[in-house]
N, C-alpha and C. Protein backbone atom coordinates (compact mmCIF):
# COMPACT_ATOMS: atom_id res chain seq x y z
N MET A 1 176.44 185.83 139.23
CA MET A 1 175.58 186.75 139.09
C MET A 1 175.66 188.01 138.29
N THR A 2 174.70 187.97 137.27
CA THR A 2 175.11 189.15 136.43
C THR A 2 174.57 190.54 136.99
N LEU A 3 175.81 191.20 136.61
CA LEU A 3 176.12 193.02 136.74
C LEU A 3 174.69 193.66 136.22
N ARG A 4 174.19 194.46 137.02
CA ARG A 4 173.13 195.69 136.70
C ARG A 4 173.81 196.78 136.39
N TYR A 5 173.56 197.87 135.26
CA TYR A 5 174.33 199.14 134.60
C TYR A 5 173.21 200.09 135.12
N SER A 6 171.72 199.81 135.41
CA SER A 6 170.71 200.59 135.31
C SER A 6 170.19 200.51 136.58
N ARG A 7 169.16 201.62 136.85
CA ARG A 7 168.09 201.03 138.72
C ARG A 7 167.16 200.97 137.21
N LYS A 8 166.79 200.99 136.48
CA LYS A 8 165.08 200.59 136.09
C LYS A 8 164.91 199.62 135.95
N PRO A 9 163.58 198.88 136.00
CA PRO A 9 162.86 197.63 136.41
C PRO A 9 162.85 196.93 134.71
N PHE A 10 163.27 196.07 135.53
CA PHE A 10 162.65 195.15 134.11
C PHE A 10 161.36 194.81 134.10
N PRO A 11 160.51 194.57 132.88
CA PRO A 11 159.48 194.72 132.75
C PRO A 11 159.10 193.17 133.44
N ALA A 12 157.77 192.95 133.59
CA ALA A 12 157.17 191.96 134.10
C ALA A 12 157.46 190.55 133.48
N TYR A 13 157.49 190.26 131.66
CA TYR A 13 158.53 188.97 131.47
C TYR A 13 159.14 189.26 130.28
N ARG A 14 159.44 188.29 129.96
CA ARG A 14 160.31 188.87 128.81
C ARG A 14 159.44 188.21 127.29
N TYR A 15 159.30 189.08 126.99
CA TYR A 15 158.51 189.07 125.35
C TYR A 15 158.70 188.10 124.28
N ILE A 16 158.27 187.16 123.98
CA ILE A 16 158.61 186.00 122.95
C ILE A 16 157.34 185.95 122.00
N PRO A 17 157.34 186.47 121.11
CA PRO A 17 156.57 186.64 119.98
C PRO A 17 155.72 185.33 119.90
N GLY A 18 154.27 185.26 120.38
CA GLY A 18 153.13 184.75 120.23
C GLY A 18 153.41 183.40 121.28
N ARG A 19 153.89 184.04 122.24
CA ARG A 19 154.39 183.01 123.69
C ARG A 19 153.25 184.13 124.71
N GLN A 20 153.58 185.58 124.72
CA GLN A 20 152.87 186.24 125.89
C GLN A 20 152.11 187.56 124.97
N PRO A 21 151.58 187.97 125.81
CA PRO A 21 150.87 189.01 124.85
C PRO A 21 151.76 190.15 124.53
N HIS A 22 151.51 190.72 123.41
CA HIS A 22 152.48 191.51 122.55
C HIS A 22 152.84 193.21 123.39
N PRO A 23 153.86 193.68 124.29
CA PRO A 23 154.04 194.51 124.93
C PRO A 23 153.19 195.65 124.90
N THR A 24 153.27 195.90 123.76
CA THR A 24 152.85 197.84 123.56
C THR A 24 151.39 197.48 122.59
N ARG A 25 151.25 196.24 122.18
CA ARG A 25 149.50 196.45 121.31
C ARG A 25 148.23 195.94 121.94
N ASP A 26 148.96 195.21 123.01
CA ASP A 26 148.21 194.31 123.82
C ASP A 26 147.71 194.61 125.11
N PRO A 27 146.47 195.22 125.38
CA PRO A 27 146.49 196.14 126.73
C PRO A 27 146.32 195.03 127.78
N ASP A 28 146.80 193.48 127.76
CA ASP A 28 147.51 193.26 128.83
C ASP A 28 149.60 193.00 128.88
N GLY A 29 149.86 193.79 127.83
CA GLY A 29 151.52 193.23 127.19
C GLY A 29 151.97 194.78 128.70
N HIS A 30 152.91 194.23 129.22
CA HIS A 30 153.74 195.13 129.99
C HIS A 30 153.50 196.34 129.75
N SER A 31 153.73 196.87 128.32
CA SER A 31 154.50 197.99 128.52
C SER A 31 153.06 198.50 127.18
N TYR A 32 152.12 198.07 127.55
CA TYR A 32 150.80 198.80 126.91
C TYR A 32 150.29 200.54 127.35
N GLY A 33 149.88 201.17 126.72
CA GLY A 33 149.74 202.50 127.02
C GLY A 33 151.11 203.48 127.29
N SER A 34 152.68 203.13 127.15
CA SER A 34 153.57 203.77 127.30
C SER A 34 153.79 204.75 125.48
N GLU A 35 154.53 205.84 126.02
CA GLU A 35 155.07 206.31 124.77
C GLU A 35 155.60 205.41 124.06
N PRO A 36 156.04 205.60 122.64
CA PRO A 36 157.64 204.77 122.22
C PRO A 36 158.31 205.70 122.95
N LEU A 37 159.71 205.47 123.21
CA LEU A 37 160.62 205.74 123.51
C LEU A 37 161.62 206.74 122.24
N GLU A 38 161.98 207.88 122.79
CA GLU A 38 162.68 208.74 121.80
C GLU A 38 164.05 209.46 122.68
N LEU A 39 164.51 209.88 121.94
CA LEU A 39 166.22 210.28 122.26
C LEU A 39 166.65 211.48 121.60
N ALA A 40 166.68 212.51 122.06
CA ALA A 40 167.27 214.06 121.55
C ALA A 40 168.53 213.12 120.63
N GLN A 41 169.58 212.50 121.20
CA GLN A 41 170.78 212.73 120.80
C GLN A 41 171.35 211.32 121.78
N PHE A 42 172.40 210.57 120.83
CA PHE A 42 173.39 209.30 121.29
C PHE A 42 174.74 210.68 121.36
N ASP A 43 175.51 210.32 122.27
CA ASP A 43 176.93 210.99 122.25
C ASP A 43 177.80 209.64 122.26
N PRO A 44 178.02 209.71 121.84
CA PRO A 44 179.75 207.94 122.16
C PRO A 44 180.23 208.11 122.91
N ALA A 45 180.49 209.70 123.16
CA ALA A 45 181.76 209.88 124.01
C ALA A 45 181.31 209.90 125.41
N ASP A 46 180.15 209.95 125.20
CA ASP A 46 179.21 209.99 127.19
C ASP A 46 178.38 208.90 127.56
N TRP A 47 178.81 207.66 126.65
CA TRP A 47 177.36 206.68 126.85
C TRP A 47 177.33 206.08 128.22
N HIS A 48 178.57 205.97 129.09
CA HIS A 48 178.50 205.47 130.25
C HIS A 48 177.63 206.24 131.00
N ASN A 49 176.47 207.64 130.74
CA ASN A 49 176.02 208.57 131.12
C ASN A 49 174.54 208.51 130.97
N CYS A 50 174.60 207.32 129.56
CA CYS A 50 173.22 207.54 128.88
C CYS A 50 172.19 206.58 129.59
N ASP A 51 171.51 206.18 130.10
CA ASP A 51 170.36 205.37 131.10
C ASP A 51 170.22 204.61 130.12
N GLU A 52 169.12 204.84 129.16
CA GLU A 52 169.13 204.12 128.20
C GLU A 52 169.75 202.57 127.02
N TYR A 53 171.25 203.24 127.16
CA TYR A 53 171.99 202.11 126.70
C TYR A 53 172.75 201.38 127.87
N LEU A 54 172.72 201.69 128.89
CA LEU A 54 172.93 201.16 129.97
C LEU A 54 171.72 200.24 130.29
N TYR A 55 170.60 200.41 130.03
CA TYR A 55 170.03 199.50 130.21
C TYR A 55 168.92 198.75 129.33
N ALA A 56 169.39 199.09 128.15
CA ALA A 56 169.69 198.18 127.01
C ALA A 56 170.66 196.96 127.19
N ILE A 57 172.22 197.56 127.73
CA ILE A 57 172.71 196.56 127.77
C ILE A 57 172.44 195.28 128.96
N ASP A 58 171.62 195.64 130.08
CA ASP A 58 170.86 194.97 130.96
C ASP A 58 170.19 194.31 130.49
N LEU A 59 169.13 195.03 129.23
CA LEU A 59 168.29 193.95 129.23
C LEU A 59 168.85 192.79 128.06
N LEU A 60 169.81 193.03 127.68
CA LEU A 60 170.40 191.95 126.80
C LEU A 60 171.17 191.09 127.13
N ASN A 61 171.32 191.45 128.50
CA ASN A 61 172.29 190.55 130.10
C ASN A 61 171.49 189.40 130.09
N HIS A 62 169.91 190.17 130.45
CA HIS A 62 169.05 189.37 131.33
C HIS A 62 168.47 188.65 130.03
N GLY A 63 168.24 188.51 128.56
CA GLY A 63 167.28 187.35 127.62
C GLY A 63 166.08 188.51 127.51
N TYR A 64 166.15 189.52 127.63
CA TYR A 64 165.10 190.60 127.72
C TYR A 64 164.96 191.05 125.82
N TRP A 65 165.02 190.14 125.03
CA TRP A 65 166.33 190.26 123.85
C TRP A 65 164.85 191.51 122.71
N TRP A 66 163.59 191.45 122.71
CA TRP A 66 162.69 192.20 122.06
C TRP A 66 162.46 193.65 122.51
N GLU A 67 162.74 193.67 124.24
CA GLU A 67 162.61 194.75 124.99
C GLU A 67 164.44 195.89 124.70
N ALA A 68 164.96 194.65 124.44
CA ALA A 68 166.15 195.19 124.45
C ALA A 68 166.33 195.94 122.70
N HIS A 69 165.70 195.89 121.99
CA HIS A 69 165.95 196.05 120.49
C HIS A 69 165.21 197.18 120.79
N GLU A 70 163.90 197.73 121.26
CA GLU A 70 163.23 198.68 121.90
C GLU A 70 164.18 199.93 122.08
N SER A 71 164.91 199.49 122.97
CA SER A 71 166.25 200.95 123.51
C SER A 71 167.14 201.17 122.35
N LEU A 72 167.79 199.82 122.22
CA LEU A 72 168.46 199.69 120.94
C LEU A 72 167.83 201.02 119.99
N GLU A 73 166.93 200.31 119.47
CA GLU A 73 166.48 201.35 118.30
C GLU A 73 166.10 203.03 118.88
N ALA A 74 165.84 203.51 119.91
CA ALA A 74 165.92 204.47 120.13
C ALA A 74 167.15 205.21 119.86
N ILE A 75 168.27 204.29 120.79
CA ILE A 75 169.42 204.61 120.71
C ILE A 75 170.28 204.58 119.15
N TRP A 76 169.66 203.84 118.52
CA TRP A 76 170.34 203.93 117.14
C TRP A 76 169.84 205.03 116.27
N LEU A 77 168.20 205.39 116.22
CA LEU A 77 167.81 206.69 115.67
C LEU A 77 168.81 207.70 115.82
N ALA A 78 168.72 208.01 117.66
CA ALA A 78 169.24 209.30 118.11
C ALA A 78 170.67 208.98 117.49
N ALA A 79 171.54 208.00 117.39
CA ALA A 79 173.18 208.52 116.73
C ALA A 79 173.14 208.26 115.35
N GLY A 80 172.29 208.71 114.58
CA GLY A 80 172.34 208.52 112.95
C GLY A 80 172.15 207.39 112.19
N GLN A 81 171.80 206.62 112.99
CA GLN A 81 171.11 205.10 111.91
C GLN A 81 172.48 204.99 111.36
N ARG A 82 172.40 204.52 110.14
CA ARG A 82 173.27 204.42 108.91
C ARG A 82 174.55 205.16 109.04
N THR A 83 174.38 206.43 108.91
CA THR A 83 174.72 206.90 108.96
C THR A 83 176.59 207.46 109.49
N THR A 84 176.65 206.95 110.81
CA THR A 84 177.97 207.26 112.05
C THR A 84 178.17 205.58 112.03
N GLN A 85 179.16 205.97 112.49
CA GLN A 85 179.99 204.04 112.78
C GLN A 85 179.41 203.92 113.98
N VAL A 86 179.18 204.90 114.90
CA VAL A 86 178.14 204.98 116.35
C VAL A 86 176.91 204.04 115.87
N GLY A 87 176.04 204.78 115.15
CA GLY A 87 175.11 204.02 114.38
C GLY A 87 174.75 202.54 114.04
N ARG A 88 175.61 202.41 113.37
CA ARG A 88 175.95 200.84 112.72
C ARG A 88 176.28 199.82 113.69
N PHE A 89 177.11 200.51 114.80
CA PHE A 89 177.39 199.36 116.04
C PHE A 89 176.05 199.08 116.97
N VAL A 90 175.22 200.57 116.97
CA VAL A 90 174.18 200.26 117.95
C VAL A 90 172.78 199.09 117.16
N GLN A 91 173.25 199.28 115.93
CA GLN A 91 172.17 198.20 114.65
C GLN A 91 173.11 197.06 115.18
N GLY A 92 174.38 196.53 115.27
CA GLY A 92 174.47 195.47 114.96
C GLY A 92 174.33 194.62 116.01
N LEU A 93 174.48 195.38 117.29
CA LEU A 93 174.02 195.19 118.63
C LEU A 93 172.47 194.60 118.98
N LEU A 94 171.58 195.36 117.86
CA LEU A 94 170.26 195.08 117.77
C LEU A 94 170.35 193.84 117.31
N GLN A 95 171.06 194.07 115.77
CA GLN A 95 170.52 192.37 115.26
C GLN A 95 171.10 191.80 115.73
N ILE A 96 172.21 191.63 116.22
CA ILE A 96 172.57 190.35 117.48
C ILE A 96 171.11 189.86 118.39
N GLY A 97 170.78 190.97 119.31
CA GLY A 97 169.74 190.66 120.40
C GLY A 97 168.53 190.11 119.89
N VAL A 98 168.12 190.39 118.09
CA VAL A 98 166.78 190.00 117.68
C VAL A 98 167.28 188.78 116.93
N GLY A 99 168.43 188.37 116.84
CA GLY A 99 168.69 186.83 116.54
C GLY A 99 169.12 186.08 116.96
N ILE A 100 168.97 186.17 118.42
CA ILE A 100 169.25 184.88 119.91
C ILE A 100 167.80 185.20 119.66
N LEU A 101 166.39 185.93 119.68
CA LEU A 101 165.19 185.98 119.75
C LEU A 101 164.84 184.83 118.78
N LYS A 102 165.37 185.44 117.55
CA LYS A 102 164.73 184.21 116.70
C LYS A 102 165.18 182.90 116.78
N HIS A 103 166.49 182.45 117.34
CA HIS A 103 167.05 181.27 117.76
C HIS A 103 165.95 180.81 118.83
N HIS A 104 165.32 181.63 119.60
CA HIS A 104 164.83 180.83 120.63
C HIS A 104 163.35 180.62 119.61
N GLN A 105 163.44 181.44 118.88
CA GLN A 105 161.79 181.04 118.17
C GLN A 105 161.82 180.15 117.21
N GLU A 106 162.78 179.14 117.81
CA GLU A 106 163.90 178.09 116.35
C GLU A 106 163.62 179.11 114.92
N GLN A 107 163.85 180.02 114.81
CA GLN A 107 163.98 180.25 113.16
C GLN A 107 165.48 180.65 112.80
N GLU A 108 166.19 179.85 113.19
CA GLU A 108 167.50 179.71 112.47
C GLU A 108 167.97 180.40 111.05
N GLY A 109 167.37 180.36 110.03
CA GLY A 109 167.91 181.34 109.24
C GLY A 109 167.84 182.76 109.29
N GLY A 110 166.79 182.89 110.24
CA GLY A 110 166.53 184.50 110.55
C GLY A 110 167.49 184.61 111.64
N ALA A 111 167.87 183.81 112.47
CA ALA A 111 169.13 184.31 113.64
C ALA A 111 170.15 184.07 112.87
N GLN A 112 170.71 183.40 111.88
CA GLN A 112 172.17 183.26 111.23
C GLN A 112 171.83 185.04 110.34
N ARG A 113 171.31 185.01 109.19
CA ARG A 113 171.33 186.50 108.83
C ARG A 113 171.37 187.49 109.86
N LEU A 114 170.58 187.79 110.92
CA LEU A 114 170.73 189.36 111.38
C LEU A 114 172.26 188.68 112.50
N TRP A 115 172.57 187.69 112.93
CA TRP A 115 173.91 187.37 113.86
C TRP A 115 174.41 187.64 112.39
N GLN A 116 174.69 187.62 111.18
CA GLN A 116 175.99 187.96 110.24
C GLN A 116 176.03 189.23 109.97
N SER A 117 175.17 190.20 109.99
CA SER A 117 174.64 191.16 109.74
C SER A 117 175.13 191.85 110.82
N GLY A 118 174.56 191.82 111.99
CA GLY A 118 175.05 192.49 113.26
C GLY A 118 176.86 192.13 113.62
N LEU A 119 177.54 191.02 113.22
CA LEU A 119 178.93 190.79 112.75
C LEU A 119 179.64 191.63 112.23
N ASP A 120 179.35 192.30 111.20
CA ASP A 120 179.60 193.05 110.11
C ASP A 120 179.56 194.54 110.95
N LYS A 121 178.76 194.65 111.62
CA LYS A 121 178.31 195.99 112.11
C LYS A 121 178.94 196.27 113.23
N ILE A 122 179.50 195.29 113.93
CA ILE A 122 180.01 195.53 115.43
C ILE A 122 181.62 195.80 115.04
N SER A 123 181.71 195.12 113.90
CA SER A 123 183.51 194.38 113.52
C SER A 123 184.30 196.17 113.19
N VAL A 124 184.55 196.96 113.90
CA VAL A 124 185.20 198.36 114.25
C VAL A 124 186.62 198.05 114.83
N ARG A 125 187.60 198.68 114.62
CA ARG A 125 188.87 198.76 114.78
C ARG A 125 189.20 199.25 116.56
N ASP A 126 188.37 199.44 117.09
CA ASP A 126 189.06 200.04 118.43
C ASP A 126 188.02 199.08 119.16
N PRO A 127 189.62 198.44 120.26
CA PRO A 127 189.32 197.11 120.98
C PRO A 127 188.65 197.42 122.38
N ILE A 128 188.25 198.81 122.35
CA ILE A 128 187.35 198.61 123.08
C ILE A 128 185.75 200.12 122.49
N TYR A 129 185.00 199.80 122.47
CA TYR A 129 183.51 200.54 121.96
C TYR A 129 182.81 200.99 122.53
N LEU A 130 182.59 201.89 122.95
CA LEU A 130 180.80 201.96 123.82
C LEU A 130 181.24 201.37 124.96
N GLY A 131 182.55 201.14 125.35
CA GLY A 131 182.58 200.37 126.88
C GLY A 131 182.38 198.83 126.60
N LEU A 132 182.02 198.61 125.58
CA LEU A 132 182.30 196.72 125.26
C LEU A 132 183.54 196.36 124.76
N ASP A 133 184.00 195.02 125.00
CA ASP A 133 185.31 194.68 124.38
C ASP A 133 184.81 193.68 123.08
N THR A 134 184.96 194.54 122.07
CA THR A 134 184.75 194.27 120.44
C THR A 134 185.14 192.97 119.95
N ARG A 135 186.60 192.66 120.39
CA ARG A 135 186.98 191.31 120.15
C ARG A 135 186.63 190.28 120.22
N ALA A 136 185.85 190.48 121.98
CA ALA A 136 185.21 189.35 122.61
C ALA A 136 183.91 189.38 121.82
N LEU A 137 183.53 190.53 122.37
CA LEU A 137 182.02 190.39 120.77
C LEU A 137 182.07 189.64 120.19
N GLN A 138 183.31 189.95 118.93
CA GLN A 138 182.91 189.29 117.74
C GLN A 138 183.27 187.65 117.78
N ARG A 139 183.98 187.37 118.83
CA ARG A 139 184.19 186.06 118.71
C ARG A 139 182.94 185.62 119.33
N SER A 140 182.25 186.03 120.37
CA SER A 140 181.23 185.59 120.37
C SER A 140 179.64 184.95 119.82
N VAL A 141 179.83 186.33 119.08
CA VAL A 141 178.98 186.40 117.72
C VAL A 141 179.54 185.18 116.68
N ARG A 142 180.75 184.80 116.44
CA ARG A 142 180.89 183.95 115.64
C ARG A 142 180.75 182.84 116.25
N GLU A 143 180.99 182.70 117.21
CA GLU A 143 180.53 181.22 117.73
C GLU A 143 178.65 180.96 117.29
N LEU A 144 177.98 181.85 117.55
CA LEU A 144 176.74 181.67 117.52
C LEU A 144 176.39 181.59 116.26
N ILE A 145 177.24 181.97 115.21
CA ILE A 145 177.25 181.64 114.08
C ILE A 145 177.05 180.30 113.85
N ASN A 146 178.57 179.53 114.50
CA ASN A 146 179.54 178.59 113.87
C ASN A 146 178.03 177.17 115.04
N GLY A 147 177.53 177.51 115.59
CA GLY A 147 176.49 176.67 116.76
C GLY A 147 177.26 176.43 117.67
N GLU A 148 178.47 176.96 118.31
CA GLU A 148 178.79 176.48 118.93
C GLU A 148 178.76 177.15 120.72
N ARG A 149 177.31 177.78 120.44
CA ARG A 149 176.62 178.67 121.73
C ARG A 149 175.55 178.98 121.86
N ASP A 150 174.47 179.07 122.50
CA ASP A 150 173.08 179.54 122.07
C ASP A 150 173.05 181.23 122.72
N ALA A 151 173.51 181.79 123.43
CA ALA A 151 173.43 182.79 123.88
C ALA A 151 174.96 183.86 124.01
N LEU A 152 174.67 184.95 124.29
CA LEU A 152 175.67 185.48 124.39
C LEU A 152 176.44 185.44 125.49
N PRO A 153 177.75 185.71 126.07
CA PRO A 153 177.81 185.89 127.28
C PRO A 153 177.58 187.47 128.02
N GLU A 154 177.74 187.05 129.61
CA GLU A 154 177.46 188.17 129.97
C GLU A 154 178.37 189.73 129.38
N LEU A 155 177.48 190.34 128.71
CA LEU A 155 178.17 191.61 128.15
C LEU A 155 178.81 192.44 129.27
N VAL A 156 180.31 192.97 129.44
CA VAL A 156 180.49 193.88 130.47
C VAL A 156 181.32 194.84 130.09
N LEU A 157 180.79 195.74 131.08
CA LEU A 157 181.12 197.24 130.01
C LEU A 157 182.21 197.55 130.91
N HIS A 158 183.12 198.03 130.07
CA HIS A 158 184.38 198.92 130.83
C HIS A 158 184.57 200.12 130.10
N PHE A 159 184.07 200.85 131.97
CA PHE A 159 183.90 202.42 132.23
C PHE A 159 184.97 202.90 131.90
N ASP A 160 186.62 202.18 132.35
CA ASP A 160 187.45 202.55 132.25
C ASP A 160 188.57 202.76 131.10
N LYS A 161 188.09 202.49 130.02
CA LYS A 161 188.88 202.08 128.45
C LYS A 161 188.27 202.65 127.70
N GLY A 162 189.10 203.06 126.87
CA GLY A 162 188.58 203.70 125.50
C GLY A 162 188.12 204.59 125.16
N ASN A 163 188.18 205.25 124.44
CA ASN A 163 188.15 207.11 124.11
C ASN A 163 186.84 206.72 123.27
N ASP A 164 186.19 206.36 122.87
CA ASP A 164 184.69 206.87 121.83
C ASP A 164 184.23 207.52 121.03
N LYS A 165 185.15 207.48 119.52
CA LYS A 165 185.01 208.88 119.14
C LYS A 165 183.83 208.55 117.61
N ASP A 166 183.36 209.16 116.85
CA ASP A 166 182.60 208.44 115.76
C ASP A 166 183.66 209.40 115.22
């Protein structure tokens, strides 16, 4: 059974474009009428206390790739987007998740581009970054690119390792 890091409930369904109502635009969407998520800041040294980050990892682990994109985008914006290492790393996670979504939509060209771009962004020197084993994550993404796997393995957060600094 996959671990949960947050208490926030999952949406009613995993959104895959063209298969279910759009979560925010369609009145039948699971998040219709909700306000867009905004975070004032994201401190990489305090990732383990960021409910939205923990929820984003839960979403990725349980196949809610579109929904994970929404959570990770809010974190990415709060983290400084492309101007910081943490921003680039979060964008890499976002791209890897969207790549898996594209793969499930049989859009292999888009999936490959997103996985490669995501791999470039998660390639940091720290063996543990934002609680994630970066070497294992990089290896898994390479396996996605090479067609050796269809999905990421469970992302396990290491609460006792690493000192995330930007």
